[in-house]
C-alpha atoms as a PDB file:
ATOM      1  CA  MET A   1      -2.696   2.754  14.849  1.00  0.00           C
ATOM      2  CA  PRO A   2      -3.770   2.336  11.275  1.00  0.00           C
ATOM      3  CA  ILE A   3      -4.590  -0.658   9.652  1.00  0.00           C
ATOM      4  CA  CYS A   4      -3.214  -1.795   6.181  1.00  0.00           C
ATOM      5  CA  LYS A   5      -6.191  -2.405   3.803  1.00  0.00           C
ATOM      6  CA  LYS A   6      -4.203  -5.105   2.129  1.00  0.00           C
ATOM      7  CA  CYS A   7      -2.393  -7.037   4.530  1.00  0.00           C
ATOM      8  CA  ASN A   8      -4.687  -5.530   8.027  1.00  0.00           C
ATOM      9  CA  ASN A   9      -1.657  -5.440  10.219  1.00  0.00           C
ATOM     10  CA  ASN A  10      -1.241  -2.591  12.528  1.00  0.00           C
ATOM     11  CA  VAL A  11       1.109   0.141  11.053  1.00  0.00           C
ATOM     12  CA  SER A  12       2.611   3.003  12.091  1.00  0.00           C
ATOM     13  CA  LYS A  13       2.538   4.721   8.892  1.00  0.00           C
ATOM     14  CA  VAL A  14       0.468   4.206   5.662  1.00  0.00           C
ATOM     15  CA  TYR A  15       0.591   5.354   2.269  1.00  0.00           C
ATOM     16  CA  GLU A  16      -2.278   5.990  -0.236  1.00  0.00           C
ATOM     17  CA  CYS A  17      -2.726   6.891  -3.980  1.00  0.00           C
ATOM     18  CA  ASP A  18      -4.618   6.752  -7.107  1.00  0.00           C
ATOM     19  CA  HIS A  19      -3.043   3.183  -7.549  1.00  0.00           C
ATOM     20  CA  THR A  20      -4.753   2.114  -3.708  1.00  0.00           C
ATOM     21  CA  ASP A  21      -7.985   3.780  -4.762  1.00  0.00           C
ATOM     22  CA  ASP A  22      -7.202   5.525  -2.169  1.00  0.00           C
ATOM     23  CA  GLU A  23      -7.378   2.878   0.390  1.00  0.00           C
ATOM     24  CA  GLU A  24      -4.129   2.805   2.928  1.00  0.00           C
ATOM     25  CA  TYR A  25      -1.680   0.474   2.624  1.00  0.00           C
ATOM     26  CA  CYS A  26       1.445  -0.257   4.602  1.00  0.00           C
ATOM     27  CA  LYS A  27       4.966   0.755   3.148  1.00  0.00           C
ATOM     28  CA  GLU A  28       5.579  -3.099   2.368  1.00  0.00           C
ATOM     29  CA  CYS A  29       2.695  -3.366   0.352  1.00  0.00           C
ATOM     30  CA  TYR A  30       2.796   0.244  -1.073  1.00  0.00           C
ATOM     31  CA  THR A  31       5.881  -0.561  -2.359  1.00  0.00           C
ATOM     32  CA  GLU A  32       4.918  -4.207  -3.747  1.00  0.00           C
ATOM     33  CA  LEU A  33       2.385  -2.683  -5.389  1.00  0.00           C
ATOM     34  CA  HIS A  34       4.318  -0.134  -7.649  1.00  0.00           C
ATOM     35  CA  TYR A  35       7.013  -2.562  -7.871  1.00  0.00           C
ATOM     36  CA  TYR A  36       4.091  -4.437  -9.773  1.00  0.00           C
ATOM     37  CA  LEU A  37       2.842  -1.264 -11.574  1.00  0.00           C
ATOM     38  CA  THR A  38       6.166  -0.233 -12.753  1.00  0.00           C
ATOM     39  CA  GLU A  39       7.685  -3.693 -13.699  1.00  0.00           C
ATOM     40  CA  LYS A  40       4.819  -4.659 -15.755  1.00  0.00           C
ATOM     41  CA  ASN A  41       5.519  -2.190 -18.422  1.00  0.00           C
END
């Protein structure tokens, strides 16, 4: 199973994009990151 780069948990699906520097994040960390990015503007 993939491991989230941010929280180090085993997850069933990972997400990555330019914002994560192509590191694999779980859904929760990925959502949190994007929420932070969109709210900060």
